[in-house]
Amino acid sequence: MMTTFINPEMTLRPIDSSGADDDALLEMWNASADYDPLTPDLWQEFVYQDPDFAPQHTLVVFAGTQPIAFVMGVVRSSGIGYIKMMLVSKTYRRQKVGKMLLLRMETALSALGARTIRVGEAPPAYFIPGIDPRYTSAIAFFQKNGYEKFSEGYHMHCDLLAEDWKTDEAEALLEKQGLTTRRATSSDFEPVMAFLEQNFKPWQFEVAASFRKNPIAVHLGLRNGQLLGFAAYDGTHTGLPWFGPMGTDPTERKLGIGAVLLRRCLRDQKDHGHTFSVIPWVGPYTFYAQHASAEISRIFWRFQKTISLLS
């Protein structure tokens, strides 16, 4: 494991994939990431269980034996590179540690063929879909280093205690149209993956994880056995009531399938003892407001930098 000396007090090296660094890294992370604390299970999921995890692209800065900064980068099959996770301990900011880490990661991701680098995101195994603007210093840092805001993402919060999430009447209306909804079974896995391959390929990773839950955390909408739509939950963000993804065949929308599938999932989450559900990285937030009385709870600014701007 190669160690680089930054100065007499600080060293840089790849993360120890045996987990030897994890306790100290988690302590550092949770002391400085005010809005995104991590449990050991979430740390395992976001770091080691990422399909593109590589120690050489997951770097830690130490002051003596204590970690003071961390960065993880990945390049997905899309060719886009991501600064998936990055943090500098509050007590070591404004000492150019972040700048050094960012430059190293940009160089590494460029060498892997990345043409664009984004902050956060990293679907399908994503942590957060951008930067929460309450991290004002992070916004300023990335802008100063050539990143430009190009979009926004939203999390929504649904109060599961607000109602019982029954779908009997709505399902009866669907049946009059020849439509049915049900929980997926193990035999549905391959057809669902084929449906996603055709319509929602980026979501295969998350939905596959929902199939591994017991009971299977996927509900389906069908017509005469033909899959028209799906909704999944709790496939990622271990331990959190995480809804999604969900999708309906583009030619079969506005039939009411999506609303029923959403509510079936929310009922499951309530039955599992959750009091709320997070609906993350939302696109059509009006849909969730209408059918689940969900409200926007977090905003994320999405930043990227094109390869032509890298030095």
C-alpha atoms as a PDB file:
ATOM      1  CA  MET A   1       0.000   0.000   0.000  1.00  0.00           C
ATOM      2  CA  MET A   2       1.830   3.078  -1.283  1.00  0.00           C
ATOM      3  CA  THR A   3       2.061   6.051   1.088  1.00  0.00           C
ATOM      4  CA  THR A   4       2.806   9.572  -0.131  1.00  0.00           C
ATOM      5  CA  PHE A   5       4.249  12.193   2.200  1.00  0.00           C
ATOM      6  CA  ILE A   6       2.465  15.514   1.685  1.00  0.00           C
ATOM      7  CA  ASN A   7       4.495  17.330   4.337  1.00  0.00           C
ATOM      8  CA  PRO A   8       6.229  16.259   7.583  1.00  0.00           C
ATOM      9  CA  GLU A   9       2.851  16.040   9.348  1.00  0.00           C
ATOM     10  CA  MET A  10       0.567  14.593   6.658  1.00  0.00           C
ATOM     11  CA  THR A  11       0.533  11.434   4.537  1.00  0.00           C
ATOM     12  CA  LEU A  12      -1.730  10.164   1.778  1.00  0.00           C
ATOM     13  CA  ARG A  13      -2.517   6.557   0.928  1.00  0.00           C
ATOM     14  CA  PRO A  14      -5.319   4.371  -0.482  1.00  0.00           C
ATOM     15  CA  ILE A  15      -7.936   3.154   1.957  1.00  0.00           C
ATOM     16  CA  ASP A  16      -7.121  -0.116   3.705  1.00  0.00           C
ATOM     17  CA  SER A  17      -9.725  -2.418   2.141  1.00  0.00           C
ATOM     18  CA  SER A  18      -9.455  -4.777   5.117  1.00  0.00           C
ATOM     19  CA  GLY A  19     -11.471  -2.201   7.030  1.00  0.00           C
ATOM     20  CA  ALA A  20      -8.684  -1.187   9.396  1.00  0.00           C
ATOM     21  CA  ASP A  21      -9.358   2.510   8.705  1.00  0.00           C
ATOM     22  CA  ASP A  22     -13.128   2.346   8.942  1.00  0.00           C
ATOM     23  CA  ASP A  23     -13.813   3.232  12.587  1.00  0.00           C
ATOM     24  CA  ALA A  24     -11.597   6.297  12.493  1.00  0.00           C
ATOM     25  CA  LEU A  25     -12.917   7.342   9.077  1.00  0.00           C
ATOM     26  CA  LEU A  26     -16.522   7.047  10.242  1.00  0.00           C
ATOM     27  CA  GLU A  27     -15.750   9.116  13.325  1.00  0.00           C
ATOM     28  CA  MET A  28     -14.142  11.789  11.148  1.00  0.00           C
ATOM     29  CA  TRP A  29     -16.988  11.708   8.636  1.00  0.00           C
ATOM     30  CA  ASN A  30     -19.752  12.002  11.213  1.00  0.00           C
ATOM     31  CA  ALA A  31     -17.981  14.846  13.001  1.00  0.00           C
ATOM     32  CA  SER A  32     -17.827  16.940   9.828  1.00  0.00           C
ATOM     33  CA  ALA A  33     -20.681  15.879   7.484  1.00  0.00           C
ATOM     34  CA  ASP A  34     -23.454  17.678   9.341  1.00  0.00           C
ATOM     35  CA  TYR A  35     -26.356  16.623   7.108  1.00  0.00           C
ATOM     36  CA  ASP A  36     -25.191  13.178   5.975  1.00  0.00           C
ATOM     37  CA  PRO A  37     -24.128  11.012   8.934  1.00  0.00           C
ATOM     38  CA  LEU A  38     -23.269   7.420   8.116  1.00  0.00           C
ATOM     39  CA  THR A  39     -23.747   4.151   9.962  1.00  0.00           C
ATOM     40  CA  PRO A  40     -21.225   1.308   9.583  1.00  0.00           C
ATOM     41  CA  ASP A  41     -23.690  -0.451   7.252  1.00  0.00           C
ATOM     42  CA  LEU A  42     -24.077   2.610   5.060  1.00  0.00           C
ATOM     43  CA  TRP A  43     -20.296   3.042   4.937  1.00  0.00           C
ATOM     44  CA  GLN A  44     -19.917  -0.539   3.751  1.00  0.00           C
ATOM     45  CA  GLU A  45     -22.592  -0.040   1.105  1.00  0.00           C
ATOM     46  CA  PHE A  46     -21.365   3.236  -0.306  1.00  0.00           C
ATOM     47  CA  VAL A  47     -17.657   2.413  -0.269  1.00  0.00           C
ATOM     48  CA  TYR A  48     -16.817  -1.288  -0.462  1.00  0.00           C
ATOM     49  CA  GLN A  49     -20.027  -2.538  -2.092  1.00  0.00           C
ATOM     50  CA  ASP A  50     -19.844  -0.042  -4.921  1.00  0.00           C
ATOM     51  CA  PRO A  51     -19.423  -2.118  -8.114  1.00  0.00           C
ATOM     52  CA  ASP A  52     -16.519   0.115  -9.204  1.00  0.00           C
ATOM     53  CA  PHE A  53     -14.771   0.411  -5.835  1.00  0.00           C
ATOM     54  CA  ALA A  54     -10.992   0.490  -6.168  1.00  0.00           C
ATOM     55  CA  PRO A  55      -8.630   1.250  -3.257  1.00  0.00           C
ATOM     56  CA  GLN A  56      -6.346   3.278  -5.522  1.00  0.00           C
ATOM     57  CA  HIS A  57      -9.251   5.630  -6.213  1.00  0.00           C
ATOM     58  CA  THR A  58     -10.371   5.804  -2.575  1.00  0.00           C
ATOM     59  CA  LEU A  59      -7.815   7.964  -0.810  1.00  0.00           C
ATOM     60  CA  VAL A  60      -7.253   8.981   2.800  1.00  0.00           C
ATOM     61  CA  VAL A  61      -5.107  11.792   4.189  1.00  0.00           C
ATOM     62  CA  PHE A  62      -3.650  11.228   7.664  1.00  0.00           C
ATOM     63  CA  ALA A  63      -2.235  13.652  10.201  1.00  0.00           C
ATOM     64  CA  GLY A  64      -0.067  11.262  12.142  1.00  0.00           C
ATOM     65  CA  THR A  65      -2.320   8.217  12.540  1.00  0.00           C
ATOM     66  CA  GLN A  66      -5.628  10.108  12.373  1.00  0.00           C
ATOM     67  CA  PRO A  67      -7.547  10.440   9.108  1.00  0.00           C
ATOM     68  CA  ILE A  68      -8.348  14.044   8.272  1.00  0.00           C
ATOM     69  CA  ALA A  69      -9.651  13.822   4.699  1.00  0.00           C
ATOM     70  CA  PHE A  70     -11.233  11.286   2.357  1.00  0.00           C
ATOM     71  CA  VAL A  71     -12.176  11.082  -1.316  1.00  0.00           C
ATOM     72  CA  MET A  72     -13.713   8.317  -3.421  1.00  0.00           C
ATOM     73  CA  GLY A  73     -13.943   8.456  -7.193  1.00  0.00           C
ATOM     74  CA  VAL A  74     -15.481   6.126  -9.769  1.00  0.00           C
ATOM     75  CA  VAL A  75     -16.051   6.026 -13.507  1.00  0.00           C
ATOM     76  CA  ARG A  76     -19.259   4.380 -14.680  1.00  0.00           C
ATOM     77  CA  SER A  77     -19.980   2.614 -17.966  1.00  0.00           C
ATOM     78  CA  SER A  78     -21.378   5.907 -19.275  1.00  0.00           C
ATOM     79  CA  GLY A  79     -17.822   7.251 -19.284  1.00  0.00           C
ATOM     80  CA  ILE A  80     -18.738   9.882 -16.698  1.00  0.00           C
ATOM     81  CA  GLY A  81     -16.433  10.207 -13.715  1.00  0.00           C
ATOM     82  CA  TYR A  82     -17.746  10.999 -10.250  1.00  0.00           C
ATOM     83  CA  ILE A  83     -16.305  12.442  -7.087  1.00  0.00           C
ATOM     84  CA  LYS A  84     -18.707  10.167  -5.247  1.00  0.00           C
ATOM     85  CA  MET A  85     -17.709  11.089  -1.693  1.00  0.00           C
ATOM     86  CA  MET A  86     -15.334  13.738  -0.423  1.00  0.00           C
ATOM     87  CA  LEU A  87     -14.764  15.319   2.953  1.00  0.00           C
ATOM     88  CA  VAL A  88     -12.065  17.269   4.768  1.00  0.00           C
ATOM     89  CA  SER A  89     -12.238  17.420   8.559  1.00  0.00           C
ATOM     90  CA  LYS A  90     -13.459  20.817   9.744  1.00  0.00           C
ATOM     91  CA  THR A  91     -10.245  21.416  11.685  1.00  0.00           C
ATOM     92  CA  TYR A  92      -8.078  20.940   8.565  1.00  0.00           C
ATOM     93  CA  ARG A  93      -9.967  23.032   6.045  1.00  0.00           C
ATOM     94  CA  ARG A  94      -8.373  25.989   4.230  1.00  0.00           C
ATOM     95  CA  GLN A  95      -5.004  24.226   4.264  1.00  0.00           C
ATOM     96  CA  LYS A  96      -5.156  23.114   0.583  1.00  0.00           C
ATOM     97  CA  VAL A  97      -5.792  19.482   1.545  1.00  0.00           C
ATOM     98  CA  GLY A  98      -9.044  19.416  -0.427  1.00  0.00           C
ATOM     99  CA  LYS A  99      -7.418  21.012  -3.461  1.00  0.00           C
ATOM    100  CA  MET A 100      -4.666  18.390  -3.456  1.00  0.00           C
ATOM    101  CA  LEU A 101      -7.151  15.515  -3.152  1.00  0.00           C
ATOM    102  CA  LEU A 102      -9.392  16.885  -5.889  1.00  0.00           C
ATOM    103  CA  LEU A 103      -6.520  17.295  -8.345  1.00  0.00           C
ATOM    104  CA  ARG A 104      -5.318  13.762  -7.693  1.00  0.00           C
ATOM    105  CA  MET A 105      -8.785  12.330  -8.206  1.00  0.00           C
ATOM    106  CA  GLU A 106      -9.416  14.358 -11.359  1.00  0.00           C
ATOM    107  CA  THR A 107      -6.158  13.046 -12.788  1.00  0.00           C
ATOM    108  CA  ALA A 108      -7.043   9.461 -11.867  1.00  0.00           C
ATOM    109  CA  LEU A 109     -10.548   9.651 -13.337  1.00  0.00           C
ATOM    110  CA  SER A 110      -9.207  11.284 -16.490  1.00  0.00           C
ATOM    111  CA  ALA A 111      -6.761   8.400 -16.877  1.00  0.00           C
ATOM    112  CA  LEU A 112      -9.740   6.023 -16.728  1.00  0.00           C
ATOM    113  CA  GLY A 113     -11.321   7.815 -19.677  1.00  0.00           C
ATOM    114  CA  ALA A 114     -13.718  10.185 -17.958  1.00  0.00           C
ATOM    115  CA  ARG A 115     -14.744  13.058 -20.235  1.00  0.00           C
ATOM    116  CA  THR A 116     -16.917  14.722 -17.626  1.00  0.00           C
ATOM    117  CA  ILE A 117     -16.568  14.707 -13.835  1.00  0.00           C
ATOM    118  CA  ARG A 118     -19.558  15.259 -11.555  1.00  0.00           C
ATOM    119  CA  VAL A 119     -19.838  15.728  -7.811  1.00  0.00           C
ATOM    120  CA  GLY A 120     -21.883  13.212  -5.836  1.00  0.00           C
ATOM    121  CA  GLU A 121     -24.401  11.268  -7.942  1.00  0.00           C
ATOM    122  CA  ALA A 122     -22.549   8.150  -9.239  1.00  0.00           C
ATOM    123  CA  PRO A 123     -25.634   6.125 -10.197  1.00  0.00           C
ATOM    124  CA  PRO A 124     -26.562   3.362  -9.779  1.00  0.00           C
ATOM    125  CA  ALA A 125     -24.736   3.028  -6.419  1.00  0.00           C
ATOM    126  CA  TYR A 126     -25.099   6.673  -5.443  1.00  0.00           C
ATOM    127  CA  PHE A 127     -24.677   8.375  -2.082  1.00  0.00           C
ATOM    128  CA  ILE A 128     -26.270  11.789  -2.640  1.00  0.00           C
ATOM    129  CA  PRO A 129     -27.377  13.356  -5.959  1.00  0.00           C
ATOM    130  CA  GLY A 130     -25.180  16.445  -5.742  1.00  0.00           C
ATOM    131  CA  ILE A 131     -24.235  18.970  -3.066  1.00  0.00           C
ATOM    132  CA  ASP A 132     -26.681  20.156  -0.438  1.00  0.00           C
ATOM    133  CA  PRO A 133     -26.280  23.967  -0.678  1.00  0.00           C
ATOM    134  CA  ARG A 134     -26.200  24.149   3.112  1.00  0.00           C
ATOM    135  CA  TYR A 135     -22.605  22.928   2.670  1.00  0.00           C
ATOM    136  CA  THR A 136     -21.790  26.449   1.548  1.00  0.00           C
ATOM    137  CA  SER A 137     -18.025  26.000   1.744  1.00  0.00           C
ATOM    138  CA  ALA A 138     -18.251  22.916  -0.499  1.00  0.00           C
ATOM    139  CA  ILE A 139     -20.256  24.853  -3.090  1.00  0.00           C
ATOM    140  CA  ALA A 140     -17.624  27.594  -3.078  1.00  0.00           C
ATOM    141  CA  PHE A 141     -14.782  25.058  -3.225  1.00  0.00           C
ATOM    142  CA  PHE A 142     -16.026  23.251  -6.323  1.00  0.00           C
ATOM    143  CA  GLN A 143     -16.974  26.458  -8.111  1.00  0.00           C
ATOM    144  CA  LYS A 144     -13.506  27.830  -7.430  1.00  0.00           C
ATOM    145  CA  ASN A 145     -12.036  24.681  -8.968  1.00  0.00           C
ATOM    146  CA  GLY A 146     -13.934  24.947 -12.237  1.00  0.00           C
ATOM    147  CA  TYR A 147     -17.172  23.075 -11.555  1.00  0.00           C
ATOM    148  CA  GLU A 148     -20.404  24.555 -12.850  1.00  0.00           C
ATOM    149  CA  LYS A 149     -23.945  24.003 -11.634  1.00  0.00           C
ATOM    150  CA  PHE A 150     -26.092  22.427 -14.351  1.00  0.00           C
ATOM    151  CA  SER A 151     -29.172  21.091 -12.575  1.00  0.00           C
ATOM    152  CA  GLU A 152     -30.884  20.386  -9.266  1.00  0.00           C
ATOM    153  CA  GLY A 153     -32.123  17.240  -7.550  1.00  0.00           C
ATOM    154  CA  TYR A 154     -34.632  16.823  -4.759  1.00  0.00           C
ATOM    155  CA  HIS A 155     -35.435  14.480  -1.911  1.00  0.00           C
ATOM    156  CA  MET A 156     -39.011  14.298  -0.688  1.00  0.00           C
ATOM    157  CA  HIS A 157     -40.335  13.181   2.682  1.00  0.00           C
ATOM    158  CA  CYS A 158     -43.544  11.203   3.074  1.00  0.00           C
ATOM    159  CA  ASP A 159     -45.282  10.861   6.445  1.00  0.00           C
ATOM    160  CA  LEU A 160     -46.250   7.180   6.592  1.00  0.00           C
ATOM    161  CA  LEU A 161     -48.403   7.727   9.669  1.00  0.00           C
ATOM    162  CA  ALA A 162     -50.679  10.102   7.781  1.00  0.00           C
ATOM    163  CA  GLU A 163     -52.849   7.311   6.347  1.00  0.00           C
ATOM    164  CA  ASP A 164     -53.199   3.546   5.876  1.00  0.00           C
ATOM    165  CA  TRP A 165     -52.134   3.516   2.181  1.00  0.00           C
ATOM    166  CA  LYS A 166     -54.969   1.214   1.141  1.00  0.00           C
ATOM    167  CA  THR A 167     -55.301   0.590  -2.589  1.00  0.00           C
ATOM    168  CA  ASP A 168     -58.410  -1.598  -2.783  1.00  0.00           C
ATOM    169  CA  GLU A 169     -60.610   0.901  -4.606  1.00  0.00           C
ATOM    170  CA  ALA A 170     -57.866   2.001  -6.981  1.00  0.00           C
ATOM    171  CA  GLU A 171     -56.986  -1.597  -7.798  1.00  0.00           C
ATOM    172  CA  ALA A 172     -60.647  -2.356  -8.522  1.00  0.00           C
ATOM    173  CA  LEU A 173     -60.662   0.492 -11.045  1.00  0.00           C
ATOM    174  CA  LEU A 174     -57.515  -0.885 -12.653  1.00  0.00           C
ATOM    175  CA  GLU A 175     -59.079  -4.324 -12.924  1.00  0.00           C
ATOM    176  CA  LYS A 176     -61.913  -2.826 -14.984  1.00  0.00           C
ATOM    177  CA  GLN A 177     -59.213  -1.818 -17.475  1.00  0.00           C
ATOM    178  CA  GLY A 178     -57.718  -5.299 -17.454  1.00  0.00           C
ATOM    179  CA  LEU A 179     -54.830  -4.225 -15.237  1.00  0.00           C
ATOM    180  CA  THR A 180     -53.538  -5.947 -12.097  1.00  0.00           C
ATOM    181  CA  THR A 181     -50.916  -5.192  -9.465  1.00  0.00           C
ATOM    182  CA  ARG A 182     -49.057  -7.595  -7.187  1.00  0.00           C
ATOM    183  CA  ARG A 183     -45.837  -8.191  -5.325  1.00  0.00           C
ATOM    184  CA  ALA A 184     -43.053  -9.589  -7.483  1.00  0.00           C
ATOM    185  CA  THR A 185     -41.858 -13.162  -7.000  1.00  0.00           C
ATOM    186  CA  SER A 186     -38.433 -14.626  -7.670  1.00  0.00           C
ATOM    187  CA  SER A 187     -39.650 -15.876 -11.060  1.00  0.00           C
ATOM    188  CA  ASP A 188     -40.269 -12.259 -12.086  1.00  0.00           C
ATOM    189  CA  PHE A 189     -36.605 -11.304 -11.773  1.00  0.00           C
ATOM    190  CA  GLU A 190     -35.519 -12.005 -15.348  1.00  0.00           C
ATOM    191  CA  PRO A 191     -38.603 -10.422 -16.981  1.00  0.00           C
ATOM    192  CA  VAL A 192     -38.192  -7.331 -14.807  1.00  0.00           C
ATOM    193  CA  MET A 193     -34.501  -7.049 -15.688  1.00  0.00           C
ATOM    194  CA  ALA A 194     -35.419  -7.339 -19.381  1.00  0.00           C
ATOM    195  CA  PHE A 195     -38.070  -4.618 -18.935  1.00  0.00           C
ATOM    196  CA  LEU A 196     -35.485  -2.380 -17.276  1.00  0.00           C
ATOM    197  CA  GLU A 197     -32.928  -3.135 -19.982  1.00  0.00           C
ATOM    198  CA  GLN A 198     -35.378  -1.786 -22.534  1.00  0.00           C
ATOM    199  CA  ASN A 199     -36.812   1.155 -20.604  1.00  0.00           C
ATOM    200  CA  PHE A 200     -34.816   2.001 -17.456  1.00  0.00           C
ATOM    201  CA  LYS A 201     -31.392   0.382 -17.733  1.00  0.00           C
ATOM    202  CA  PRO A 202     -29.646   2.571 -15.091  1.00  0.00           C
ATOM    203  CA  TRP A 203     -32.014   1.208 -12.421  1.00  0.00           C
ATOM    204  CA  GLN A 204     -31.175  -2.476 -12.775  1.00  0.00           C
ATOM    205  CA  PHE A 205     -28.652  -2.389  -9.926  1.00  0.00           C
ATOM    206  CA  GLU A 206     -31.098  -0.907  -7.422  1.00  0.00           C
ATOM    207  CA  VAL A 207     -34.063  -3.076  -8.412  1.00  0.00           C
ATOM    208  CA  ALA A 208     -31.938  -6.215  -8.253  1.00  0.00           C
ATOM    209  CA  ALA A 209     -31.081  -5.286  -4.662  1.00  0.00           C
ATOM    210  CA  SER A 210     -34.794  -4.900  -3.866  1.00  0.00           C
ATOM    211  CA  PHE A 211     -35.379  -8.419  -5.214  1.00  0.00           C
ATOM    212  CA  ARG A 212     -32.956  -9.711  -2.577  1.00  0.00           C
ATOM    213  CA  LYS A 213     -35.144  -8.427   0.264  1.00  0.00           C
ATOM    214  CA  ASN A 214     -37.491 -10.723   2.183  1.00  0.00           C
ATOM    215  CA  PRO A 215     -40.259 -10.219   1.277  1.00  0.00           C
ATOM    216  CA  ILE A 216     -39.261  -9.029  -2.176  1.00  0.00           C
ATOM    217  CA  ALA A 217     -39.488  -5.233  -2.137  1.00  0.00           C
ATOM    218  CA  VAL A 218     -40.839  -4.844  -5.665  1.00  0.00           C
ATOM    219  CA  HIS A 219     -44.433  -4.438  -6.858  1.00  0.00           C
ATOM    220  CA  LEU A 220     -45.560  -4.886 -10.449  1.00  0.00           C
ATOM    221  CA  GLY A 221     -48.321  -3.612 -12.727  1.00  0.00           C
ATOM    222  CA  LEU A 222     -49.452  -5.957 -15.503  1.00  0.00           C
ATOM    223  CA  ARG A 223     -51.954  -6.476 -18.287  1.00  0.00           C
ATOM    224  CA  ASN A 224     -52.623 -10.113 -19.159  1.00  0.00           C
ATOM    225  CA  GLY A 225     -49.269 -11.045 -17.675  1.00  0.00           C
ATOM    226  CA  GLN A 226     -47.383  -8.373 -19.619  1.00  0.00           C
ATOM    227  CA  LEU A 227     -45.285  -6.101 -17.414  1.00  0.00           C
ATOM    228  CA  LEU A 228     -46.287  -2.454 -17.682  1.00  0.00           C
ATOM    229  CA  GLY A 229     -44.639  -0.914 -14.632  1.00  0.00           C
ATOM    230  CA  PHE A 230     -42.829  -1.500 -11.370  1.00  0.00           C
ATOM    231  CA  ALA A 231     -42.007   0.167  -8.071  1.00  0.00           C
ATOM    232  CA  ALA A 232     -39.257  -0.874  -5.673  1.00  0.00           C
ATOM    233  CA  TYR A 233     -37.999   0.207  -2.266  1.00  0.00           C
ATOM    234  CA  ASP A 234     -35.231  -0.338   0.301  1.00  0.00           C
ATOM    235  CA  GLY A 235     -32.773  -1.672  -2.276  1.00  0.00           C
ATOM    236  CA  THR A 236     -30.134   0.897  -1.350  1.00  0.00           C
ATOM    237  CA  HIS A 237     -29.287   3.165   1.608  1.00  0.00           C
ATOM    238  CA  THR A 238     -29.239   0.324   4.114  1.00  0.00           C
ATOM    239  CA  GLY A 239     -31.407   0.826   7.174  1.00  0.00           C
ATOM    240  CA  LEU A 240     -33.267   3.828   5.757  1.00  0.00           C
ATOM    241  CA  PRO A 241     -36.855   3.778   4.433  1.00  0.00           C
ATOM    242  CA  TRP A 242     -35.817   4.461   0.842  1.00  0.00           C
ATOM    243  CA  PHE A 243     -38.459   4.456  -1.882  1.00  0.00           C
ATOM    244  CA  GLY A 244     -37.710   3.817  -5.547  1.00  0.00           C
ATOM    245  CA  PRO A 245     -36.958   3.539  -8.248  1.00  0.00           C
ATOM    246  CA  MET A 246     -40.265   3.205 -10.047  1.00  0.00           C
ATOM    247  CA  GLY A 247     -41.269   3.410 -13.688  1.00  0.00           C
ATOM    248  CA  THR A 248     -44.054   2.703 -16.149  1.00  0.00           C
ATOM    249  CA  ASP A 249     -43.814   1.762 -19.808  1.00  0.00           C
ATOM    250  CA  PRO A 250     -43.817   5.144 -21.596  1.00  0.00           C
ATOM    251  CA  THR A 251     -46.737   4.008 -23.776  1.00  0.00           C
ATOM    252  CA  GLU A 252     -48.838   2.963 -20.773  1.00  0.00           C
ATOM    253  CA  ARG A 253     -48.738   6.013 -18.536  1.00  0.00           C
ATOM    254  CA  LYS A 254     -51.674   7.949 -17.046  1.00  0.00           C
ATOM    255  CA  LEU A 255     -53.615   4.748 -16.361  1.00  0.00           C
ATOM    256  CA  GLY A 256     -53.181   4.965 -12.579  1.00  0.00           C
ATOM    257  CA  ILE A 257     -50.671   2.129 -12.318  1.00  0.00           C
ATOM    258  CA  GLY A 258     -47.848   4.234 -10.855  1.00  0.00           C
ATOM    259  CA  ALA A 259     -49.967   5.677  -8.060  1.00  0.00           C
ATOM    260  CA  VAL A 260     -51.092   2.201  -6.935  1.00  0.00           C
ATOM    261  CA  LEU A 261     -47.562   0.780  -7.052  1.00  0.00           C
ATOM    262  CA  LEU A 262     -46.262   3.734  -5.043  1.00  0.00           C
ATOM    263  CA  ARG A 263     -48.879   3.280  -2.346  1.00  0.00           C
ATOM    264  CA  ARG A 264     -48.313  -0.485  -2.143  1.00  0.00           C
ATOM    265  CA  CYS A 265     -44.637   0.181  -1.423  1.00  0.00           C
ATOM    266  CA  LEU A 266     -45.405   2.864   1.160  1.00  0.00           C
ATOM    267  CA  ARG A 267     -47.813   0.487   2.899  1.00  0.00           C
ATOM    268  CA  ASP A 268     -45.040  -2.108   3.082  1.00  0.00           C
ATOM    269  CA  GLN A 269     -42.658   0.418   4.606  1.00  0.00           C
ATOM    270  CA  LYS A 270     -45.240   1.415   7.193  1.00  0.00           C
ATOM    271  CA  ASP A 271     -45.895  -2.272   7.996  1.00  0.00           C
ATOM    272  CA  HIS A 272     -42.129  -2.661   8.533  1.00  0.00           C
ATOM    273  CA  GLY A 273     -42.349  -0.087  11.326  1.00  0.00           C
ATOM    274  CA  HIS A 274     -41.155   3.030   9.511  1.00  0.00           C
ATOM    275  CA  THR A 275     -42.804   6.356  10.278  1.00  0.00           C
ATOM    276  CA  PHE A 276     -41.607   8.118   7.127  1.00  0.00           C
ATOM    277  CA  SER A 277     -40.271   7.345   3.680  1.00  0.00           C
ATOM    278  CA  VAL A 278     -37.574   9.148   1.730  1.00  0.00           C
ATOM    279  CA  ILE A 279     -38.379   9.570  -1.958  1.00  0.00           C
ATOM    280  CA  PRO A 280     -34.930  10.421  -3.324  1.00  0.00           C
ATOM    281  CA  TRP A 281     -33.572  12.198  -6.381  1.00  0.00           C
ATOM    282  CA  VAL A 282     -37.087  13.039  -7.511  1.00  0.00           C
ATOM    283  CA  GLY A 283     -37.992  14.084 -11.014  1.00  0.00           C
ATOM    284  CA  PRO A 284     -41.804  14.552 -11.092  1.00  0.00           C
ATOM    285  CA  TYR A 285     -42.249  15.907  -7.586  1.00  0.00           C
ATOM    286  CA  THR A 286     -45.841  16.925  -8.329  1.00  0.00           C
ATOM    287  CA  PHE A 287     -46.722  13.228  -8.760  1.00  0.00           C
ATOM    288  CA  TYR A 288     -45.520  12.366  -5.259  1.00  0.00           C
ATOM    289  CA  ALA A 289     -47.139  15.439  -3.771  1.00  0.00           C
ATOM    290  CA  GLN A 290     -50.461  14.445  -5.315  1.00  0.00           C
ATOM    291  CA  HIS A 291     -50.447  10.741  -4.535  1.00  0.00           C
ATOM    292  CA  ALA A 292     -48.502  10.595  -1.259  1.00  0.00           C
ATOM    293  CA  SER A 293     -48.729  14.161   0.123  1.00  0.00           C
ATOM    294  CA  ALA A 294     -44.914  14.124   0.015  1.00  0.00           C
ATOM    295  CA  GLU A 295     -42.994  17.353   0.489  1.00  0.00           C
ATOM    296  CA  ILE A 296     -39.572  18.429  -0.735  1.00  0.00           C
ATOM    297  CA  SER A 297     -37.186  17.947   2.169  1.00  0.00           C
ATOM    298  CA  ARG A 298     -33.739  18.460   0.619  1.00  0.00           C
ATOM    299  CA  ILE A 299     -32.336  20.187  -2.430  1.00  0.00           C
ATOM    300  CA  PHE A 300     -29.085  19.220  -4.145  1.00  0.00           C
ATOM    301  CA  TRP A 301     -27.146  21.290  -6.636  1.00  0.00           C
ATOM    302  CA  ARG A 302     -25.534  19.239  -9.378  1.00  0.00           C
ATOM    303  CA  PHE A 303     -22.052  20.274 -10.500  1.00  0.00           C
ATOM    304  CA  GLN A 304     -19.821  19.058 -13.292  1.00  0.00           C
ATOM    305  CA  LYS A 305     -16.553  19.881 -14.991  1.00  0.00           C
ATOM    306  CA  THR A 306     -15.669  18.949 -18.557  1.00  0.00           C
ATOM    307  CA  ILE A 307     -12.410  17.242 -19.372  1.00  0.00           C
ATOM    308  CA  SER A 308     -11.251  20.222 -21.429  1.00  0.00           C
ATOM    309  CA  LEU A 309     -11.062  22.256 -18.246  1.00  0.00           C
ATOM    310  CA  LEU A 310      -8.770  19.809 -16.459  1.00  0.00           C
ATOM    311  CA  SER A 311      -5.142  20.794 -16.185  1.00  0.00           C
END
